[in-house]
Protein backbone atom coordinates (compact mmCIF):
# COMPACT_ATOMS: atom_id res chain seq x y z
CA MET A 1 -8.37 26.70 -3.35
CA LYS A 2 -9.47 24.93 -0.18
CA ILE A 3 -7.91 21.48 -0.26
CA LEU A 4 -8.07 18.41 2.00
CA PHE A 5 -5.50 15.61 1.92
CA ILE A 6 -6.28 12.30 3.59
CA GLY A 7 -2.75 11.29 4.52
CA GLY A 8 -0.30 13.91 3.36
CA THR A 9 2.94 12.78 5.03
CA GLY A 10 4.10 9.92 2.77
CA THR A 11 6.79 9.93 0.09
CA ILE A 12 4.49 11.26 -2.62
CA SER A 13 2.18 13.41 -0.54
CA THR A 14 4.93 15.20 1.41
CA ALA A 15 6.25 16.83 -1.77
CA ILE A 16 2.72 17.73 -2.88
CA THR A 17 1.91 19.21 0.53
CA LYS A 18 4.96 21.44 0.28
CA ALA A 19 4.14 22.54 -3.27
CA VAL A 20 0.47 23.27 -2.46
CA CYS A 21 1.53 25.49 0.44
CA GLU A 22 4.06 27.32 -1.72
CA GLN A 23 1.24 28.18 -4.12
CA GLY A 24 -0.75 29.74 -1.29
CA HIS A 25 -3.68 27.33 -1.15
CA GLU A 26 -5.58 26.62 2.07
CA LEU A 27 -4.51 23.09 2.94
CA TYR A 28 -5.97 20.69 5.49
CA LEU A 29 -4.38 17.35 6.37
CA VAL A 30 -6.36 14.66 8.11
CA ASN A 31 -4.36 11.81 9.67
CA ARG A 32 -3.59 10.25 13.03
CA GLY A 33 -0.63 12.55 13.63
CA LEU A 34 1.74 9.64 14.19
CA ARG A 35 4.50 10.59 11.75
CA ASP A 36 7.13 12.86 13.25
CA LYS A 37 7.37 15.29 10.35
CA LYS A 38 7.43 19.04 10.43
CA LEU A 39 4.61 20.28 8.25
CA PRO A 40 4.91 23.44 6.15
CA GLU A 41 3.73 26.64 7.78
CA GLY A 42 0.03 27.24 7.31
CA VAL A 43 -1.08 23.61 7.10
CA ILE A 44 -4.18 22.92 9.19
CA GLN A 45 -3.95 19.43 10.67
CA LEU A 46 -7.12 17.52 11.57
CA ILE A 47 -6.21 14.62 13.87
CA CYS A 48 -8.43 11.57 13.73
CA ASP A 49 -8.55 7.93 12.65
CA VAL A 50 -10.17 8.08 9.21
CA ASN A 51 -11.17 4.43 9.56
CA GLN A 52 -13.54 5.48 12.34
CA GLU A 53 -16.19 6.96 10.08
CA ASP A 54 -18.30 8.64 12.77
CA GLU A 55 -15.25 10.37 14.20
CA PHE A 56 -14.09 11.36 10.70
CA ALA A 57 -17.52 12.74 9.83
CA LYS A 58 -17.58 14.96 12.93
CA ILE A 59 -14.13 16.35 12.16
CA ILE A 60 -15.00 17.42 8.61
CA ALA A 61 -18.62 18.44 9.31
CA PRO A 62 -17.92 22.23 9.33
CA TYR A 63 -16.00 22.19 6.03
CA GLU A 64 -16.49 22.08 2.28
CA PHE A 65 -13.55 21.72 -0.11
CA ASP A 66 -12.62 22.48 -3.68
CA VAL A 67 -10.47 19.32 -3.78
CA VAL A 68 -10.20 16.21 -1.60
CA ALA A 69 -7.35 13.74 -2.27
CA ASP A 70 -7.03 10.36 -0.59
CA PHE A 71 -3.43 9.10 -0.49
CA ILE A 72 -4.03 6.15 1.83
CA ALA A 73 -7.01 4.30 0.34
CA PHE A 74 -6.15 0.73 -0.68
CA HIS A 75 -9.52 -1.03 -0.50
CA PRO A 76 -12.93 -0.17 -2.01
CA GLU A 77 -14.50 -0.01 1.45
CA GLN A 78 -12.33 3.03 2.22
CA LEU A 79 -13.51 4.78 -0.93
CA GLN A 80 -17.11 3.92 -0.21
CA ARG A 81 -16.62 5.79 3.06
CA ASP A 82 -15.08 8.74 1.18
CA VAL A 83 -18.01 8.91 -1.22
CA ARG A 84 -20.49 8.91 1.65
CA LEU A 85 -18.63 11.70 3.44
CA PHE A 86 -17.67 13.93 0.52
CA LYS A 87 -20.40 13.50 -2.12
CA SER A 88 -21.75 16.96 -1.28
CA LYS A 89 -18.55 18.46 0.17
CA THR A 90 -16.08 18.64 -2.73
CA LYS A 91 -15.87 19.72 -6.36
CA GLN A 92 -13.11 17.17 -7.13
CA PHE A 93 -12.07 13.92 -5.49
CA ILE A 94 -8.62 12.55 -6.37
CA PHE A 95 -7.75 8.90 -5.76
CA ILE A 96 -4.11 7.84 -5.84
CA SER A 97 -4.06 4.47 -7.56
CA SER A 98 -0.96 2.68 -8.91
CA ALA A 99 0.71 2.01 -12.25
CA SER A 100 1.30 -1.53 -11.00
CA ALA A 101 -2.37 -2.12 -11.87
CA TYR A 102 -1.52 -2.25 -15.59
CA GLN A 103 -1.67 -5.68 -17.21
CA LYS A 104 1.01 -8.22 -16.34
CA PRO A 105 2.55 -9.59 -18.41
CA LEU A 106 2.39 -6.53 -20.65
CA ALA A 107 1.30 -6.89 -24.26
CA ASP A 108 3.30 -3.74 -25.07
CA TYR A 109 6.04 -2.19 -22.94
CA ARG A 110 4.72 1.29 -23.85
CA ILE A 111 2.09 2.23 -21.29
CA THR A 112 -0.74 4.72 -21.65
CA GLU A 113 -3.85 5.23 -19.56
CA GLY A 114 -5.59 2.99 -22.09
CA THR A 115 -3.40 -0.01 -21.26
CA PRO A 116 -5.66 -2.72 -19.76
CA LEU A 117 -5.70 -3.21 -16.00
CA SER A 118 -4.94 -6.76 -14.87
CA ASN A 119 -2.39 -8.03 -12.38
CA PRO A 120 -2.81 -11.66 -11.29
CA TYR A 121 0.48 -11.52 -9.35
CA TRP A 122 -0.19 -8.80 -6.78
CA GLU A 123 -3.19 -8.40 -4.48
CA TYR A 124 -2.20 -4.78 -3.82
CA SER A 125 -2.66 -3.99 -7.53
CA ARG A 126 -5.92 -5.92 -7.81
CA ASN A 127 -7.32 -3.94 -4.89
CA LYS A 128 -6.36 -0.69 -6.62
CA ILE A 129 -8.16 -1.90 -9.77
CA THR A 130 -11.29 -2.65 -7.76
CA CYS A 131 -11.07 0.81 -6.20
CA GLU A 132 -10.86 2.42 -9.64
CA GLU A 133 -13.81 0.44 -10.93
CA TYR A 134 -15.94 1.53 -7.98
CA LEU A 135 -15.09 5.22 -8.45
CA ILE A 136 -15.74 5.11 -12.19
CA LYS A 137 -19.24 3.74 -11.50
CA GLU A 138 -19.82 6.52 -8.98
CA TYR A 139 -18.79 9.08 -11.58
CA ARG A 140 -20.92 7.58 -14.35
CA ASN A 141 -24.02 6.88 -12.27
CA ASN A 142 -23.95 9.63 -9.64
CA GLN A 143 -21.64 12.33 -11.09
CA PHE A 144 -19.18 12.01 -8.21
CA PRO A 145 -16.33 14.25 -9.50
CA ILE A 146 -13.38 11.87 -9.57
CA THR A 147 -9.86 12.10 -10.91
CA ILE A 148 -7.74 8.93 -10.74
CA VAL A 149 -3.96 9.35 -10.58
CA ARG A 150 -1.54 6.48 -11.24
CA PRO A 151 2.01 6.94 -9.93
CA SER A 152 4.78 4.48 -10.66
CA HIS A 153 8.05 4.14 -8.70
CA THR A 154 8.27 7.51 -6.93
CA TYR A 155 11.03 8.33 -4.45
CA GLY A 156 12.14 11.15 -2.18
CA GLU A 157 14.92 12.01 0.22
CA GLN A 158 14.49 9.29 2.84
CA SER A 159 14.65 6.02 0.89
CA VAL A 160 16.73 4.87 -2.09
CA PRO A 161 14.48 3.24 -4.73
CA LEU A 162 15.52 -0.36 -5.42
CA GLY A 163 14.25 -3.53 -7.03
CA VAL A 164 15.28 -6.01 -4.33
CA HIS A 165 15.23 -5.06 -0.65
CA GLY A 166 13.92 -6.30 2.68
CA ASN A 167 11.05 -5.18 4.87
CA ASN A 168 13.01 -2.35 6.50
CA GLY A 169 13.65 -0.42 3.31
CA SER A 170 16.78 0.26 1.32
CA TRP A 171 19.48 0.93 3.90
CA GLN A 172 20.79 -2.65 4.15
CA VAL A 173 21.46 -2.70 0.39
CA ILE A 174 23.28 0.62 0.68
CA LYS A 175 25.31 -0.78 3.56
CA ARG A 176 26.26 -3.81 1.47
CA MET A 177 27.47 -1.51 -1.30
CA ILE A 178 29.56 0.53 1.12
CA ALA A 179 31.05 -2.65 2.58
CA GLY A 180 31.98 -3.94 -0.89
CA LYS A 181 29.56 -6.87 -0.70
CA PRO A 182 27.68 -8.17 -3.76
CA VAL A 183 24.22 -6.72 -4.29
CA ILE A 184 21.38 -8.76 -5.79
CA ILE A 185 19.79 -7.40 -8.97
CA HIS A 186 16.77 -9.22 -10.34
CA GLY A 187 17.09 -10.74 -13.82
CA ASP A 188 20.13 -9.56 -15.76
CA GLY A 189 19.58 -5.87 -15.01
CA THR A 190 18.63 -4.95 -18.58
CA SER A 191 14.85 -4.61 -18.22
CA LEU A 192 13.53 -1.04 -18.47
CA TRP A 193 12.16 0.98 -15.58
CA THR A 194 11.06 4.51 -14.71
CA MET A 195 11.96 6.39 -11.53
CA THR A 196 10.14 9.61 -10.65
CA HIS A 197 11.31 12.11 -8.03
CA ASN A 198 8.48 13.23 -5.76
CA SER A 199 9.15 16.90 -6.59
CA ASP A 200 8.44 16.14 -10.26
CA PHE A 201 5.35 14.15 -9.38
CA ALA A 202 4.10 17.15 -7.40
CA LYS A 203 4.32 19.38 -10.49
CA GLY A 204 1.95 17.15 -12.44
CA PHE A 205 -0.37 16.65 -9.49
CA LEU A 206 -0.72 20.38 -8.83
CA GLY A 207 -1.76 20.92 -12.42
CA LEU A 208 -4.69 18.54 -11.90
CA LEU A 209 -6.03 20.30 -8.79
CA GLY A 210 -9.24 22.13 -9.65
CA ASN A 211 -8.71 21.28 -13.33
CA ILE A 212 -12.15 20.91 -14.92
CA HIS A 213 -10.66 18.86 -17.75
CA ALA A 214 -9.40 16.25 -15.26
CA ILE A 215 -12.84 15.37 -13.90
CA GLY A 216 -13.74 11.80 -14.84
CA GLU A 217 -10.23 11.16 -16.12
CA THR A 218 -7.45 8.73 -15.23
CA VAL A 219 -3.94 10.16 -15.47
CA GLN A 220 -0.50 8.63 -14.93
CA ILE A 221 2.29 10.85 -13.60
CA THR A 222 5.87 9.70 -14.17
CA SER A 223 9.18 10.91 -15.49
CA ASP A 224 9.95 10.46 -19.18
CA GLU A 225 13.41 9.10 -18.31
CA THR A 226 13.84 5.39 -19.02
CA LEU A 227 16.55 3.42 -17.23
CA THR A 228 17.77 -0.15 -17.02
CA TRP A 229 18.15 -1.62 -13.56
CA ASN A 230 21.89 -1.77 -14.22
CA GLN A 231 21.88 2.00 -14.74
CA ILE A 232 19.81 2.49 -11.59
CA TYR A 233 22.21 0.51 -9.39
CA GLU A 234 25.27 2.04 -11.06
CA SER A 235 23.90 5.52 -10.31
CA ILE A 236 23.44 4.58 -6.66
CA ALA A 237 26.97 3.18 -6.43
CA LYS A 238 28.38 6.30 -8.07
CA ALA A 239 26.54 8.50 -5.57
CA LEU A 240 28.13 6.45 -2.77
CA GLY A 241 31.56 6.63 -4.39
CA VAL A 242 31.91 2.83 -4.52
CA THR A 243 32.22 0.13 -7.18
CA LEU A 244 29.02 -1.83 -7.77
CA LYS A 245 29.35 -5.57 -7.30
CA ALA A 246 26.20 -6.78 -9.03
CA TYR A 247 24.96 -10.32 -8.54
CA TYR A 248 22.20 -11.30 -10.96
CA VAL A 249 19.44 -13.65 -9.83
CA PRO A 250 16.29 -14.64 -11.78
CA SER A 251 13.17 -12.99 -10.35
CA ASP A 252 11.38 -16.34 -10.17
CA PHE A 253 14.22 -17.74 -8.05
CA LEU A 254 14.05 -14.76 -5.71
CA TYR A 255 10.32 -15.23 -5.27
CA LYS A 256 10.63 -18.95 -4.58
CA THR A 257 13.48 -18.65 -2.07
CA SER A 258 12.30 -15.81 0.15
CA ALA A 259 9.56 -14.79 2.53
CA TYR A 260 9.38 -11.38 0.85
CA ASP A 261 6.56 -10.46 -1.53
CA PHE A 262 8.64 -10.77 -4.69
CA TYR A 263 5.81 -12.56 -6.46
CA GLY A 264 3.91 -9.29 -6.45
CA SER A 265 6.62 -6.63 -6.35
CA LEU A 266 8.89 -8.31 -8.93
CA LEU A 267 6.88 -10.69 -11.14
CA GLY A 268 3.87 -8.40 -10.86
CA ASP A 269 5.78 -5.16 -11.27
CA LYS A 270 9.52 -4.43 -11.36
CA ALA A 271 10.64 -7.44 -13.41
CA ASN A 272 8.60 -6.12 -16.33
CA SER A 273 9.96 -3.55 -18.78
CA VAL A 274 7.83 -0.41 -18.75
CA VAL A 275 8.00 2.90 -20.62
CA PHE A 276 5.31 5.47 -19.82
CA ASP A 277 3.67 7.72 -22.37
CA ASN A 278 2.70 10.91 -20.52
CA GLN A 279 1.03 12.74 -23.41
CA LYS A 280 -2.33 12.81 -21.64
CA LEU A 281 -0.83 14.48 -18.57
CA LYS A 282 0.90 17.05 -20.78
CA ARG A 283 -2.38 17.88 -22.50
CA LEU A 284 -4.08 18.41 -19.14
CA VAL A 285 -1.11 20.22 -17.60
CA PRO A 286 0.59 22.18 -20.40
CA GLY A 287 4.26 22.70 -19.77
CA PHE A 288 4.66 19.72 -17.44
CA VAL A 289 8.12 18.19 -17.61
CA ALA A 290 10.00 16.07 -15.10
CA THR A 291 13.38 17.76 -14.64
CA LYS A 292 15.06 15.72 -11.90
CA ARG A 293 17.33 13.20 -13.65
CA PHE A 294 17.68 9.99 -11.65
CA ASP A 295 21.42 10.20 -11.04
CA GLN A 296 20.89 13.71 -9.67
CA GLY A 297 17.89 12.83 -7.53
CA VAL A 298 19.38 9.68 -6.04
CA LYS A 299 22.57 11.57 -5.16
CA GLU A 300 20.44 13.93 -3.06
CA THR A 301 18.76 10.93 -1.41
CA ILE A 302 22.11 9.26 -0.64
CA ASP A 303 23.52 12.49 0.82
CA PHE A 304 20.43 12.86 3.03
CA LEU A 305 20.58 9.27 4.29
CA LEU A 306 24.29 9.43 5.08
CA ALA A 307 23.70 12.62 7.06
CA HIS A 308 20.72 11.22 9.03
CA PRO A 309 21.54 8.04 11.00
CA GLU A 310 17.95 7.86 12.25
CA PHE A 311 16.88 6.66 8.80
CA GLN A 312 19.60 4.02 8.54
CA LYS A 313 17.48 1.02 9.54
CA GLU A 314 19.46 -2.21 9.53
CA ASP A 315 17.90 -5.44 8.31
CA LEU A 316 20.19 -8.29 9.33
CA GLU A 317 17.65 -10.93 8.30
CA PHE A 318 17.62 -9.59 4.73
CA ASP A 319 21.41 -9.31 4.73
CA HIS A 320 21.74 -12.96 5.77
CA TRP A 321 19.22 -14.03 3.12
CA CYS A 322 21.25 -12.23 0.41
CA ASP A 323 24.42 -14.01 1.53
CA CYS A 324 22.63 -17.38 1.51
CA VAL A 325 21.19 -16.87 -1.99
CA ILE A 326 24.57 -15.88 -3.41
CA GLN A 327 26.41 -18.69 -1.63
CA GLU A 328 23.94 -21.35 -2.80
CA LEU A 329 24.05 -20.15 -6.41
CA GLU A 330 27.85 -20.07 -6.40
CA SER A 331 27.91 -23.60 -4.98
CA ALA A 332 25.49 -24.77 -7.67
CA ILE A 333 27.70 -23.24 -10.36
CA GLN A 334 30.73 -25.10 -9.03
CA ARG A 335 28.82 -28.40 -8.84
CA VAL A 336 27.68 -28.11 -12.45
CA LYS A 337 31.20 -27.25 -13.57
CA GLN A 338 32.62 -30.26 -11.75
CA SER A 339 30.00 -32.60 -13.26
CA LYS A 340 31.17 -31.91 -16.83
């Protein structure tokens, strides 16, 4: 197949790019060429700013594709551009949405593609919902051949997936663990969550490419493994060879005492228990199974990070905020004890 990825160098798309090339497809990536990543052999890179529509149109003018997938669309205006450019140039258009778009709070922790979409906590999720609604109208009214894919928490080799972290990623939390400092876990760590390795996500995604049964459909791709946040952090600590010093803080308190977007990312997402039902994906992609267990996958991620200092981005502001939160809560506990 002749395939175009808009993006193609992020956590999810990097694994898919590799898998597509291994299958021998003709793959084009269109992006600004800013990420310093070695692409698989055979990838044809089209360098342009996709937000400059005239420039984008000139770049793709000579081509037609079996599949176009947009990994970096977050607003309906970007998809309106895609529809204008590809309505007669592709047999399938795949939009990467988000499982965070599912209703919050959830009426049922078991999530299928039929779970309502509604997230009053997170603008990011509401924008994804609006994007989906636009594409569905284009499919129904104009036969634009869409497939909507909803990933949940997907990770790869360069960043450890966490619930609470700063703006520079996960390294500062890892550094706290190594140093024997307490690490903040939202709630009491017992809510349920799903982590999906990007190599497993790629398996499901590849099965949707050129799949006539996926046209007009919305499909979630996640692992079937369900974990508590305690298990997630314990697995990370074990991979580091350290003892986890968990410090539990209510999600609402974290949101109210920080400048980080915990209102959206916690109250609107990770603080909720979720279990995904992937039966629809397995009907569309017979034989799909996620095989990378979290403790195995995160060990690979930890080993990679420890071996690559260039990805160890410190976040002293976040580290100081963690210390302040813990100190203030400990002081409050002592004050209450003394008042009895």
